[in-house]
Amino acid sequence: MADTEHYVRDDVRGFLDMLEQMGGQSVEEVGAIEGRQQMKALGAVAESEPRKLAVIKDLTCPGPAGEIPLRFYDTKESREAGPCVIFIHGGGFVIGDLDVYHALCSEISHHLDLPVVSVDYRLAPEHTFPAAPDDCEAAARWVASSPAELGREITGLVITGDSAGGNLTIVTTNQLMNEPADAPVIVQAPIYPVASDVSQHSSLAAFAEGFLLTGAAMSWFTEQYGGDANDPRHTPMVGDCSNTPPTVVCTAGLDPLRDSGREYASHLVGLGTEVVYLEFPGIIHGFTTLRKAIPSGQRDLEAFLDATKLMVERYK
């Protein structure tokens, strides 16, 4: 049962109560294959319907281990030269795919009025670190090259993603700042990211049970992913973040990962990076893909996207 000492919104409480009544096994108990099906099933009942857009099509791009599946979204059939959003999904580097994040990507394209490319990077444990960052970097560089498949001249990248995808957002951005692509990263926007070592954070202890993402699941995801926590492509805050582009970070108040996002935003402010930090109280990790079950999360997502849109307008 969720800790009642913390402020929990009514719709969040109702969703958590429903999950508790349903029971079921957690991802570390059922494993990667079943965990992926569970995430799809939860999304089918808890996520909003996707927006209808002018363009939604599946593509691929070359990757270090073969073709990388992508999904391309746009509110317009054609458009003048401008920025493109790269979206990198969450799921602990183990679960999640293009379909689970379909509605969210359509919402991002709708709200920002920008093209979006969603990246279906290789997942652990079949493909451990650094498969995911390798794929995300390759996809971002491909999009930056204005490939014919997109039919648009890309002048800048806006990189975003949630949770593990928030980690990969930061990692990919750092790689492209250190070794520039054909178009620059103009804004990054990680959503409740894993940016630092979360094991010592008070939020992990406070929300380890009863708030959807558990401490046990976090430990299991970390083990499946592998890699060296001292590698900046694994844990980005151990590296040099001094040349980070303008950044929008959001966290959820009831999230075990909350303090990692706080710490990262604070770190960037200390380095002189332009940062907007939004912490949404009373809501849980994963709310951006649970908006049917947690309607108040729609307003939070819109606030995050509004901040991102303002930042893009300043730098595109």
C-alpha atoms as a PDB file:
ATOM      1  CA  MET A   1       0.000   0.000   0.000  1.00  0.00           C
ATOM      2  CA  ALA A   2       1.264   3.492  -0.833  1.00  0.00           C
ATOM      3  CA  ASP A   3       2.646   5.558   2.046  1.00  0.00           C
ATOM      4  CA  THR A   4      -0.101   7.971   3.079  1.00  0.00           C
ATOM      5  CA  GLU A   5       2.414  10.437   4.582  1.00  0.00           C
ATOM      6  CA  HIS A   6       3.031  11.759   1.084  1.00  0.00           C
ATOM      7  CA  TYR A   7       0.595  13.876  -0.904  1.00  0.00           C
ATOM      8  CA  VAL A   8      -1.092  11.603  -3.449  1.00  0.00           C
ATOM      9  CA  ARG A   9      -3.599  12.975  -5.944  1.00  0.00           C
ATOM     10  CA  ASP A  10      -7.047  11.396  -5.954  1.00  0.00           C
ATOM     11  CA  ASP A  11      -6.711   9.945  -9.463  1.00  0.00           C
ATOM     12  CA  VAL A  12      -3.249   8.602  -8.627  1.00  0.00           C
ATOM     13  CA  ARG A  13      -4.610   7.007  -5.443  1.00  0.00           C
ATOM     14  CA  GLY A  14      -7.425   5.397  -7.424  1.00  0.00           C
ATOM     15  CA  PHE A  15      -4.971   3.991  -9.975  1.00  0.00           C
ATOM     16  CA  LEU A  16      -2.631   2.619  -7.288  1.00  0.00           C
ATOM     17  CA  ASP A  17      -5.572   1.058  -5.445  1.00  0.00           C
ATOM     18  CA  MET A  18      -6.704  -0.597  -8.676  1.00  0.00           C
ATOM     19  CA  LEU A  19      -3.238  -2.055  -9.252  1.00  0.00           C
ATOM     20  CA  GLU A  20      -3.130  -3.375  -5.698  1.00  0.00           C
ATOM     21  CA  GLN A  21      -6.502  -5.062  -6.091  1.00  0.00           C
ATOM     22  CA  MET A  22      -5.440  -6.621  -9.388  1.00  0.00           C
ATOM     23  CA  GLY A  23      -2.375  -8.164  -7.778  1.00  0.00           C
ATOM     24  CA  GLY A  24      -0.062  -9.837 -10.234  1.00  0.00           C
ATOM     25  CA  GLN A  25       3.667 -10.361 -10.332  1.00  0.00           C
ATOM     26  CA  SER A  26       6.284  -7.671 -10.761  1.00  0.00           C
ATOM     27  CA  VAL A  27       8.746  -7.436 -13.632  1.00  0.00           C
ATOM     28  CA  GLU A  28      11.670  -8.859 -11.667  1.00  0.00           C
ATOM     29  CA  GLU A  29       9.510 -11.917 -10.895  1.00  0.00           C
ATOM     30  CA  VAL A  30       8.232 -12.586 -14.414  1.00  0.00           C
ATOM     31  CA  GLY A  31      11.305 -11.614 -16.457  1.00  0.00           C
ATOM     32  CA  ALA A  32      11.888  -9.556 -19.567  1.00  0.00           C
ATOM     33  CA  ILE A  33       9.562 -11.273 -22.066  1.00  0.00           C
ATOM     34  CA  GLU A  34       6.507 -11.296 -19.810  1.00  0.00           C
ATOM     35  CA  GLY A  35       7.436  -7.842 -18.494  1.00  0.00           C
ATOM     36  CA  ARG A  36       7.214  -6.452 -22.015  1.00  0.00           C
ATOM     37  CA  GLN A  37       3.735  -7.928 -22.432  1.00  0.00           C
ATOM     38  CA  GLN A  38       2.684  -6.511 -19.066  1.00  0.00           C
ATOM     39  CA  MET A  39       3.766  -3.016 -20.098  1.00  0.00           C
ATOM     40  CA  LYS A  40       1.791  -3.303 -23.346  1.00  0.00           C
ATOM     41  CA  ALA A  41      -1.268  -4.553 -21.450  1.00  0.00           C
ATOM     42  CA  LEU A  42      -1.092  -1.726 -18.910  1.00  0.00           C
ATOM     43  CA  GLY A  43      -0.769   0.838 -21.670  1.00  0.00           C
ATOM     44  CA  ALA A  44      -3.783  -0.584 -23.484  1.00  0.00           C
ATOM     45  CA  VAL A  45      -6.038   0.183 -20.511  1.00  0.00           C
ATOM     46  CA  ALA A  46      -4.284   3.160 -18.894  1.00  0.00           C
ATOM     47  CA  GLU A  47      -2.991   5.352 -21.745  1.00  0.00           C
ATOM     48  CA  SER A  48      -4.873   7.975 -23.729  1.00  0.00           C
ATOM     49  CA  GLU A  49      -5.814   7.488 -27.364  1.00  0.00           C
ATOM     50  CA  PRO A  50      -3.213   8.656 -29.884  1.00  0.00           C
ATOM     51  CA  ARG A  51      -3.660  11.920 -31.741  1.00  0.00           C
ATOM     52  CA  LYS A  52      -4.585  11.747 -35.421  1.00  0.00           C
ATOM     53  CA  LEU A  53      -1.678  13.211 -37.394  1.00  0.00           C
ATOM     54  CA  ALA A  54      -0.973  13.864 -41.053  1.00  0.00           C
ATOM     55  CA  VAL A  55       2.022  11.499 -41.018  1.00  0.00           C
ATOM     56  CA  ILE A  56       2.592   8.341 -38.978  1.00  0.00           C
ATOM     57  CA  LYS A  57       4.829   5.767 -40.604  1.00  0.00           C
ATOM     58  CA  ASP A  58       7.396   3.146 -39.683  1.00  0.00           C
ATOM     59  CA  LEU A  59      10.943   3.510 -40.978  1.00  0.00           C
ATOM     60  CA  THR A  60      14.381   2.056 -40.322  1.00  0.00           C
ATOM     61  CA  CYS A  61      17.845   3.536 -40.215  1.00  0.00           C
ATOM     62  CA  PRO A  62      21.287   1.914 -40.282  1.00  0.00           C
ATOM     63  CA  GLY A  63      22.659   0.929 -36.887  1.00  0.00           C
ATOM     64  CA  PRO A  64      25.818  -0.656 -35.515  1.00  0.00           C
ATOM     65  CA  ALA A  65      24.160  -4.102 -35.424  1.00  0.00           C
ATOM     66  CA  GLY A  66      21.692  -3.836 -38.296  1.00  0.00           C
ATOM     67  CA  GLU A  67      18.603  -1.795 -39.068  1.00  0.00           C
ATOM     68  CA  ILE A  68      17.047   0.190 -36.183  1.00  0.00           C
ATOM     69  CA  PRO A  69      13.219   0.386 -36.278  1.00  0.00           C
ATOM     70  CA  LEU A  70      11.820   3.915 -36.057  1.00  0.00           C
ATOM     71  CA  ARG A  71       8.402   5.533 -36.150  1.00  0.00           C
ATOM     72  CA  PHE A  72       7.971   8.933 -37.753  1.00  0.00           C
ATOM     73  CA  TYR A  73       5.235  11.398 -36.727  1.00  0.00           C
ATOM     74  CA  ASP A  74       4.324  14.808 -38.091  1.00  0.00           C
ATOM     75  CA  THR A  75       1.366  17.156 -37.933  1.00  0.00           C
ATOM     76  CA  LYS A  76       2.064  18.239 -41.532  1.00  0.00           C
ATOM     77  CA  GLU A  77       2.508  16.284 -44.758  1.00  0.00           C
ATOM     78  CA  SER A  78       5.400  18.580 -45.639  1.00  0.00           C
ATOM     79  CA  ARG A  79       7.150  21.453 -43.902  1.00  0.00           C
ATOM     80  CA  GLU A  80       9.947  23.950 -44.258  1.00  0.00           C
ATOM     81  CA  ALA A  81      13.396  23.337 -42.780  1.00  0.00           C
ATOM     82  CA  GLY A  82      13.343  23.192 -39.002  1.00  0.00           C
ATOM     83  CA  PRO A  83      13.926  21.111 -35.862  1.00  0.00           C
ATOM     84  CA  CYS A  84      13.010  17.454 -35.354  1.00  0.00           C
ATOM     85  CA  VAL A  85      12.326  15.675 -32.073  1.00  0.00           C
ATOM     86  CA  ILE A  86      14.119  12.415 -31.273  1.00  0.00           C
ATOM     87  CA  PHE A  87      12.090  10.392 -28.744  1.00  0.00           C
ATOM     88  CA  ILE A  88      13.771   7.616 -26.722  1.00  0.00           C
ATOM     89  CA  HIS A  89      11.401   5.388 -24.756  1.00  0.00           C
ATOM     90  CA  GLY A  90      11.660   4.188 -21.168  1.00  0.00           C
ATOM     91  CA  GLY A  91      11.250   0.787 -19.553  1.00  0.00           C
ATOM     92  CA  GLY A  92      14.460   0.220 -17.627  1.00  0.00           C
ATOM     93  CA  PHE A  93      16.414  -0.568 -20.829  1.00  0.00           C
ATOM     94  CA  VAL A  94      14.528  -3.909 -20.806  1.00  0.00           C
ATOM     95  CA  ILE A  95      10.863  -3.268 -21.676  1.00  0.00           C
ATOM     96  CA  GLY A  96       9.003  -0.682 -23.788  1.00  0.00           C
ATOM     97  CA  ASP A  97       8.708  -0.264 -27.556  1.00  0.00           C
ATOM     98  CA  LEU A  98       7.287   1.920 -30.312  1.00  0.00           C
ATOM     99  CA  ASP A  99       3.701   0.805 -29.649  1.00  0.00           C
ATOM    100  CA  VAL A 100       3.724   1.457 -25.889  1.00  0.00           C
ATOM    101  CA  TYR A 101       4.859   5.029 -26.567  1.00  0.00           C
ATOM    102  CA  HIS A 102       2.769   5.600 -29.693  1.00  0.00           C
ATOM    103  CA  ALA A 103       0.160   7.853 -28.064  1.00  0.00           C
ATOM    104  CA  LEU A 104       2.787   9.902 -26.222  1.00  0.00           C
ATOM    105  CA  CYS A 105       4.813  10.495 -29.398  1.00  0.00           C
ATOM    106  CA  SER A 106       1.672  11.590 -31.232  1.00  0.00           C
ATOM    107  CA  GLU A 107       0.956  13.994 -28.357  1.00  0.00           C
ATOM    108  CA  ILE A 108       4.470  15.435 -28.507  1.00  0.00           C
ATOM    109  CA  SER A 109       4.222  16.051 -32.253  1.00  0.00           C
ATOM    110  CA  HIS A 110       0.739  17.556 -31.853  1.00  0.00           C
ATOM    111  CA  HIS A 111       1.700  19.863 -28.992  1.00  0.00           C
ATOM    112  CA  LEU A 112       5.067  21.028 -30.351  1.00  0.00           C
ATOM    113  CA  ASP A 113       3.936  21.027 -34.000  1.00  0.00           C
ATOM    114  CA  LEU A 114       7.211  19.328 -34.896  1.00  0.00           C
ATOM    115  CA  PRO A 115       8.197  16.051 -36.546  1.00  0.00           C
ATOM    116  CA  VAL A 116       9.050  13.277 -34.073  1.00  0.00           C
ATOM    117  CA  VAL A 117      11.177  10.184 -34.641  1.00  0.00           C
ATOM    118  CA  SER A 118      10.722   7.428 -32.030  1.00  0.00           C
ATOM    119  CA  VAL A 119      13.685   5.046 -31.677  1.00  0.00           C
ATOM    120  CA  ASP A 120      13.239   1.290 -31.064  1.00  0.00           C
ATOM    121  CA  TYR A 121      16.726   0.639 -29.676  1.00  0.00           C
ATOM    122  CA  ARG A 122      17.943  -2.830 -28.729  1.00  0.00           C
ATOM    123  CA  LEU A 123      16.875  -4.018 -25.273  1.00  0.00           C
ATOM    124  CA  ALA A 124      18.615  -5.836 -22.442  1.00  0.00           C
ATOM    125  CA  PRO A 125      19.190  -8.548 -21.350  1.00  0.00           C
ATOM    126  CA  GLU A 126      19.477  -9.801 -24.938  1.00  0.00           C
ATOM    127  CA  HIS A 127      21.536  -6.710 -25.768  1.00  0.00           C
ATOM    128  CA  THR A 128      23.326  -5.231 -22.770  1.00  0.00           C
ATOM    129  CA  PHE A 129      25.101  -1.870 -22.462  1.00  0.00           C
ATOM    130  CA  PRO A 130      26.242  -0.180 -24.702  1.00  0.00           C
ATOM    131  CA  ALA A 131      23.764  -1.474 -27.313  1.00  0.00           C
ATOM    132  CA  ALA A 132      21.078   1.063 -26.334  1.00  0.00           C
ATOM    133  CA  PRO A 133      23.262   4.194 -26.413  1.00  0.00           C
ATOM    134  CA  ASP A 134      24.959   2.969 -29.593  1.00  0.00           C
ATOM    135  CA  ASP A 135      21.583   2.650 -31.351  1.00  0.00           C
ATOM    136  CA  CYS A 136      20.232   5.968 -30.049  1.00  0.00           C
ATOM    137  CA  GLU A 137      23.335   7.853 -31.151  1.00  0.00           C
ATOM    138  CA  ALA A 138      23.227   6.213 -34.596  1.00  0.00           C
ATOM    139  CA  ALA A 139      19.546   7.092 -35.016  1.00  0.00           C
ATOM    140  CA  ALA A 140      20.077  10.695 -33.909  1.00  0.00           C
ATOM    141  CA  ARG A 141      22.981  11.147 -36.332  1.00  0.00           C
ATOM    142  CA  TRP A 142      20.861   9.674 -39.128  1.00  0.00           C
ATOM    143  CA  VAL A 143      17.981  12.071 -38.452  1.00  0.00           C
ATOM    144  CA  ALA A 144      20.437  14.986 -38.250  1.00  0.00           C
ATOM    145  CA  SER A 145      21.640  14.134 -41.764  1.00  0.00           C
ATOM    146  CA  SER A 146      18.202  15.049 -43.215  1.00  0.00           C
ATOM    147  CA  PRO A 147      17.703  11.626 -44.831  1.00  0.00           C
ATOM    148  CA  ALA A 148      15.434  11.414 -47.866  1.00  0.00           C
ATOM    149  CA  GLU A 149      13.080   9.094 -45.936  1.00  0.00           C
ATOM    150  CA  LEU A 150      11.995  12.026 -43.732  1.00  0.00           C
ATOM    151  CA  GLY A 151      11.459  14.401 -46.637  1.00  0.00           C
ATOM    152  CA  ARG A 152      12.467  17.343 -44.466  1.00  0.00           C
ATOM    153  CA  GLU A 153      15.568  19.442 -43.947  1.00  0.00           C
ATOM    154  CA  ILE A 154      16.505  19.049 -40.292  1.00  0.00           C
ATOM    155  CA  THR A 155      18.194  22.126 -38.828  1.00  0.00           C
ATOM    156  CA  GLY A 156      18.321  21.060 -35.187  1.00  0.00           C
ATOM    157  CA  LEU A 157      17.524  18.186 -32.835  1.00  0.00           C
ATOM    158  CA  VAL A 158      15.304  18.199 -29.757  1.00  0.00           C
ATOM    159  CA  ILE A 159      16.108  15.025 -27.819  1.00  0.00           C
ATOM    160  CA  THR A 160      13.636  13.734 -25.237  1.00  0.00           C
ATOM    161  CA  GLY A 161      12.623  10.512 -23.529  1.00  0.00           C
ATOM    162  CA  ASP A 162      11.447   9.146 -20.205  1.00  0.00           C
ATOM    163  CA  SER A 163      13.147   7.190 -17.401  1.00  0.00           C
ATOM    164  CA  ALA A 164      15.736   4.925 -19.055  1.00  0.00           C
ATOM    165  CA  GLY A 165      14.974   6.981 -22.167  1.00  0.00           C
ATOM    166  CA  GLY A 166      15.736  10.079 -20.104  1.00  0.00           C
ATOM    167  CA  ASN A 167      19.136   8.585 -19.349  1.00  0.00           C
ATOM    168  CA  LEU A 168      19.639   7.840 -23.046  1.00  0.00           C
ATOM    169  CA  THR A 169      18.467  11.369 -23.896  1.00  0.00           C
ATOM    170  CA  ILE A 170      21.280  12.833 -21.801  1.00  0.00           C
ATOM    171  CA  VAL A 171      23.841  10.299 -23.029  1.00  0.00           C
ATOM    172  CA  THR A 172      22.934  10.861 -26.692  1.00  0.00           C
ATOM    173  CA  THR A 173      22.952  14.631 -26.262  1.00  0.00           C
ATOM    174  CA  ASN A 174      26.387  14.502 -24.619  1.00  0.00           C
ATOM    175  CA  GLN A 175      27.775  12.367 -27.457  1.00  0.00           C
ATOM    176  CA  LEU A 176      26.447  14.767 -30.085  1.00  0.00           C
ATOM    177  CA  MET A 177      27.768  17.802 -28.220  1.00  0.00           C
ATOM    178  CA  ASN A 178      31.213  16.216 -27.980  1.00  0.00           C
ATOM    179  CA  GLU A 179      31.196  14.979 -31.599  1.00  0.00           C
ATOM    180  CA  PRO A 180      28.683  17.133 -33.491  1.00  0.00           C
ATOM    181  CA  ALA A 181      26.229  15.634 -35.969  1.00  0.00           C
ATOM    182  CA  ASP A 182      25.089  17.303 -39.202  1.00  0.00           C
ATOM    183  CA  ALA A 183      22.482  19.262 -37.224  1.00  0.00           C
ATOM    184  CA  PRO A 184      23.076  20.454 -33.641  1.00  0.00           C
ATOM    185  CA  VAL A 185      21.178  19.454 -30.517  1.00  0.00           C
ATOM    186  CA  ILE A 186      19.347  22.679 -29.688  1.00  0.00           C
ATOM    187  CA  VAL A 187      17.358  21.446 -26.654  1.00  0.00           C
ATOM    188  CA  GLN A 188      17.262  18.300 -24.550  1.00  0.00           C
ATOM    189  CA  ALA A 189      14.245  17.408 -22.429  1.00  0.00           C
ATOM    190  CA  PRO A 190      14.665  14.330 -20.195  1.00  0.00           C
ATOM    191  CA  ILE A 191      11.539  13.101 -18.392  1.00  0.00           C
ATOM    192  CA  TYR A 192      12.134  11.629 -14.888  1.00  0.00           C
ATOM    193  CA  PRO A 193      15.604  10.489 -15.975  1.00  0.00           C
ATOM    194  CA  VAL A 194      18.212   8.206 -14.449  1.00  0.00           C
ATOM    195  CA  ALA A 195      21.145  10.625 -14.500  1.00  0.00           C
ATOM    196  CA  SER A 196      23.189   9.569 -11.476  1.00  0.00           C
ATOM    197  CA  ASP A 197      23.576   6.711  -9.000  1.00  0.00           C
ATOM    198  CA  VAL A 198      20.055   6.425  -7.581  1.00  0.00           C
ATOM    199  CA  SER A 199      20.920   3.872  -4.900  1.00  0.00           C
ATOM    200  CA  GLN A 200      21.652   6.462  -2.203  1.00  0.00           C
ATOM    201  CA  HIS A 201      18.792   8.853  -2.928  1.00  0.00           C
ATOM    202  CA  SER A 202      16.138   9.445  -0.274  1.00  0.00           C
ATOM    203  CA  SER A 203      13.414   9.245  -2.939  1.00  0.00           C
ATOM    204  CA  LEU A 204      14.364   5.631  -3.666  1.00  0.00           C
ATOM    205  CA  ALA A 205      13.861   4.753   0.000  1.00  0.00           C
ATOM    206  CA  ALA A 206      10.671   6.808   0.336  1.00  0.00           C
ATOM    207  CA  PHE A 207       8.928   5.390  -2.744  1.00  0.00           C
ATOM    208  CA  ALA A 208      10.450   1.914  -3.020  1.00  0.00           C
ATOM    209  CA  GLU A 209       7.065   0.238  -2.551  1.00  0.00           C
ATOM    210  CA  GLY A 210       3.520   1.107  -3.565  1.00  0.00           C
ATOM    211  CA  PHE A 211       4.102   3.725  -6.289  1.00  0.00           C
ATOM    212  CA  LEU A 212       4.247   1.558  -9.465  1.00  0.00           C
ATOM    213  CA  LEU A 213       8.026   1.647 -10.020  1.00  0.00           C
ATOM    214  CA  THR A 214       9.614  -0.224  -7.115  1.00  0.00           C
ATOM    215  CA  GLY A 215      13.100  -0.324  -5.699  1.00  0.00           C
ATOM    216  CA  ALA A 216      13.267  -4.047  -6.483  1.00  0.00           C
ATOM    217  CA  ALA A 217      12.385  -3.428 -10.136  1.00  0.00           C
ATOM    218  CA  MET A 218      15.006  -0.665 -10.352  1.00  0.00           C
ATOM    219  CA  SER A 219      17.697  -3.024  -9.035  1.00  0.00           C
ATOM    220  CA  TRP A 220      16.640  -5.720 -11.496  1.00  0.00           C
ATOM    221  CA  PHE A 221      16.644  -3.323 -14.475  1.00  0.00           C
ATOM    222  CA  THR A 222      20.128  -2.120 -13.506  1.00  0.00           C
ATOM    223  CA  GLU A 223      21.380  -5.702 -13.317  1.00  0.00           C
ATOM    224  CA  GLN A 224      19.872  -6.617 -16.699  1.00  0.00           C
ATOM    225  CA  TYR A 225      21.362  -3.562 -18.395  1.00  0.00           C
ATOM    226  CA  GLY A 226      24.911  -4.196 -17.174  1.00  0.00           C
ATOM    227  CA  GLY A 227      27.750  -1.825 -17.951  1.00  0.00           C
ATOM    228  CA  ASP A 228      30.038   0.240 -15.738  1.00  0.00           C
ATOM    229  CA  ALA A 229      28.445   2.919 -13.571  1.00  0.00           C
ATOM    230  CA  ASN A 230      31.659   4.950 -13.933  1.00  0.00           C
ATOM    231  CA  ASP A 231      31.184   5.183 -17.701  1.00  0.00           C
ATOM    232  CA  PRO A 232      29.558   8.533 -18.656  1.00  0.00           C
ATOM    233  CA  ARG A 233      27.536   6.757 -21.364  1.00  0.00           C
ATOM    234  CA  HIS A 234      26.024   4.664 -18.559  1.00  0.00           C
ATOM    235  CA  THR A 235      25.720   7.250 -15.769  1.00  0.00           C
ATOM    236  CA  PRO A 236      25.954  10.637 -17.498  1.00  0.00           C
ATOM    237  CA  MET A 237      26.626  12.769 -14.424  1.00  0.00           C
ATOM    238  CA  VAL A 238      29.999  11.096 -13.874  1.00  0.00           C
ATOM    239  CA  GLY A 239      31.147  12.732 -17.115  1.00  0.00           C
ATOM    240  CA  ASP A 240      31.677  16.311 -18.236  1.00  0.00           C
ATOM    241  CA  CYS A 241      28.296  18.032 -18.651  1.00  0.00           C
ATOM    242  CA  SER A 242      29.726  21.531 -19.112  1.00  0.00           C
ATOM    243  CA  ASN A 243      28.679  21.902 -22.759  1.00  0.00           C
ATOM    244  CA  THR A 244      25.083  20.730 -22.286  1.00  0.00           C
ATOM    245  CA  PRO A 245      22.529  22.594 -24.447  1.00  0.00           C
ATOM    246  CA  PRO A 246      19.430  24.308 -22.988  1.00  0.00           C
ATOM    247  CA  THR A 247      17.541  21.707 -20.987  1.00  0.00           C
ATOM    248  CA  VAL A 248      14.040  21.033 -19.685  1.00  0.00           C
ATOM    249  CA  VAL A 249      13.841  18.407 -16.903  1.00  0.00           C
ATOM    250  CA  CYS A 250      10.683  17.121 -15.250  1.00  0.00           C
ATOM    251  CA  THR A 251      10.225  14.734 -12.345  1.00  0.00           C
ATOM    252  CA  ALA A 252       7.292  13.161 -10.505  1.00  0.00           C
ATOM    253  CA  GLY A 253       6.897  13.846  -6.811  1.00  0.00           C
ATOM    254  CA  LEU A 254       6.222  10.194  -5.866  1.00  0.00           C
ATOM    255  CA  ASP A 255       8.982   8.672  -8.000  1.00  0.00           C
ATOM    256  CA  PRO A 256      11.959   6.648  -6.711  1.00  0.00           C
ATOM    257  CA  LEU A 257      13.952   8.461  -9.437  1.00  0.00           C
ATOM    258  CA  ARG A 258      12.828  11.947  -8.383  1.00  0.00           C
ATOM    259  CA  ASP A 259      16.110  12.892  -6.709  1.00  0.00           C
ATOM    260  CA  SER A 260      18.167  11.858  -9.745  1.00  0.00           C
ATOM    261  CA  GLY A 261      16.325  14.403 -11.886  1.00  0.00           C
ATOM    262  CA  ARG A 262      16.633  17.025  -9.144  1.00  0.00           C
ATOM    263  CA  GLU A 263      20.346  16.370  -8.824  1.00  0.00           C
ATOM    264  CA  TYR A 264      20.906  16.572 -12.577  1.00  0.00           C
ATOM    265  CA  ALA A 265      19.000  19.837 -12.963  1.00  0.00           C
ATOM    266  CA  SER A 266      20.898  21.342 -10.041  1.00  0.00           C
ATOM    267  CA  HIS A 267      24.200  20.148 -11.505  1.00  0.00           C
ATOM    268  CA  LEU A 268      23.445  21.826 -14.840  1.00  0.00           C
ATOM    269  CA  VAL A 269      22.404  25.076 -13.155  1.00  0.00           C
ATOM    270  CA  GLY A 270      25.737  25.039 -11.331  1.00  0.00           C
ATOM    271  CA  LEU A 271      27.501  24.707 -14.682  1.00  0.00           C
ATOM    272  CA  GLY A 272      25.636  27.681 -16.121  1.00  0.00           C
ATOM    273  CA  THR A 273      23.323  25.747 -18.436  1.00  0.00           C
ATOM    274  CA  GLU A 274      19.909  27.262 -19.130  1.00  0.00           C
ATOM    275  CA  VAL A 275      17.502  24.934 -17.315  1.00  0.00           C
ATOM    276  CA  VAL A 276      13.768  24.690 -16.708  1.00  0.00           C
ATOM    277  CA  TYR A 277      13.014  22.222 -13.894  1.00  0.00           C
ATOM    278  CA  LEU A 278       9.458  21.046 -13.285  1.00  0.00           C
ATOM    279  CA  GLU A 279       8.578  18.721 -10.415  1.00  0.00           C
ATOM    280  CA  PHE A 280       4.966  17.581 -10.450  1.00  0.00           C
ATOM    281  CA  PRO A 281       3.624  16.826  -6.952  1.00  0.00           C
ATOM    282  CA  GLY A 282       1.420  13.904  -6.019  1.00  0.00           C
ATOM    283  CA  ILE A 283       2.023  11.864  -9.177  1.00  0.00           C
ATOM    284  CA  ILE A 284       3.987   8.711  -9.968  1.00  0.00           C
ATOM    285  CA  HIS A 285       6.707   7.555 -12.319  1.00  0.00           C
ATOM    286  CA  GLY A 286       5.310   6.700 -15.740  1.00  0.00           C
ATOM    287  CA  PHE A 287       2.460   9.215 -15.726  1.00  0.00           C
ATOM    288  CA  THR A 288       3.153  10.366 -19.303  1.00  0.00           C
ATOM    289  CA  THR A 289       1.919   6.991 -20.594  1.00  0.00           C
ATOM    290  CA  LEU A 290      -0.902   6.543 -18.046  1.00  0.00           C
ATOM    291  CA  ARG A 291      -3.011   9.582 -18.907  1.00  0.00           C
ATOM    292  CA  LYS A 292      -6.334   7.757 -19.292  1.00  0.00           C
ATOM    293  CA  ALA A 293      -5.969   6.227 -15.832  1.00  0.00           C
ATOM    294  CA  ILE A 294      -4.431   9.394 -14.336  1.00  0.00           C
ATOM    295  CA  PRO A 295      -6.119  12.285 -16.177  1.00  0.00           C
ATOM    296  CA  SER A 296      -4.322  14.962 -14.137  1.00  0.00           C
ATOM    297  CA  GLY A 297      -1.078  13.790 -15.753  1.00  0.00           C
ATOM    298  CA  GLN A 298      -2.229  15.306 -19.050  1.00  0.00           C
ATOM    299  CA  ARG A 299      -1.898  18.807 -17.569  1.00  0.00           C
ATOM    300  CA  ASP A 300       1.579  17.972 -16.301  1.00  0.00           C
ATOM    301  CA  LEU A 301       2.631  16.645 -19.686  1.00  0.00           C
ATOM    302  CA  GLU A 302       1.299  19.805 -21.336  1.00  0.00           C
ATOM    303  CA  ALA A 303       3.252  21.977 -18.880  1.00  0.00           C
ATOM    304  CA  PHE A 304       6.429  20.057 -19.706  1.00  0.00           C
ATOM    305  CA  LEU A 305       5.791  20.342 -23.446  1.00  0.00           C
ATOM    306  CA  ASP A 306       4.969  24.052 -23.118  1.00  0.00           C
ATOM    307  CA  ALA A 307       8.351  24.609 -21.452  1.00  0.00           C
ATOM    308  CA  THR A 308      10.064  22.576 -24.154  1.00  0.00           C
ATOM    309  CA  LYS A 309       8.278  24.535 -26.882  1.00  0.00           C
ATOM    310  CA  LEU A 310       9.377  27.849 -25.374  1.00  0.00           C
ATOM    311  CA  MET A 311      12.977  26.629 -25.202  1.00  0.00           C
ATOM    312  CA  VAL A 312      12.886  25.404 -28.805  1.00  0.00           C
ATOM    313  CA  GLU A 313      11.490  28.744 -29.991  1.00  0.00           C
ATOM    314  CA  ARG A 314      14.402  30.522 -28.299  1.00  0.00           C
ATOM    315  CA  TYR A 315      17.076  28.422 -29.987  1.00  0.00           C
ATOM    316  CA  LYS A 316      15.782  27.042 -33.281  1.00  0.00           C
END
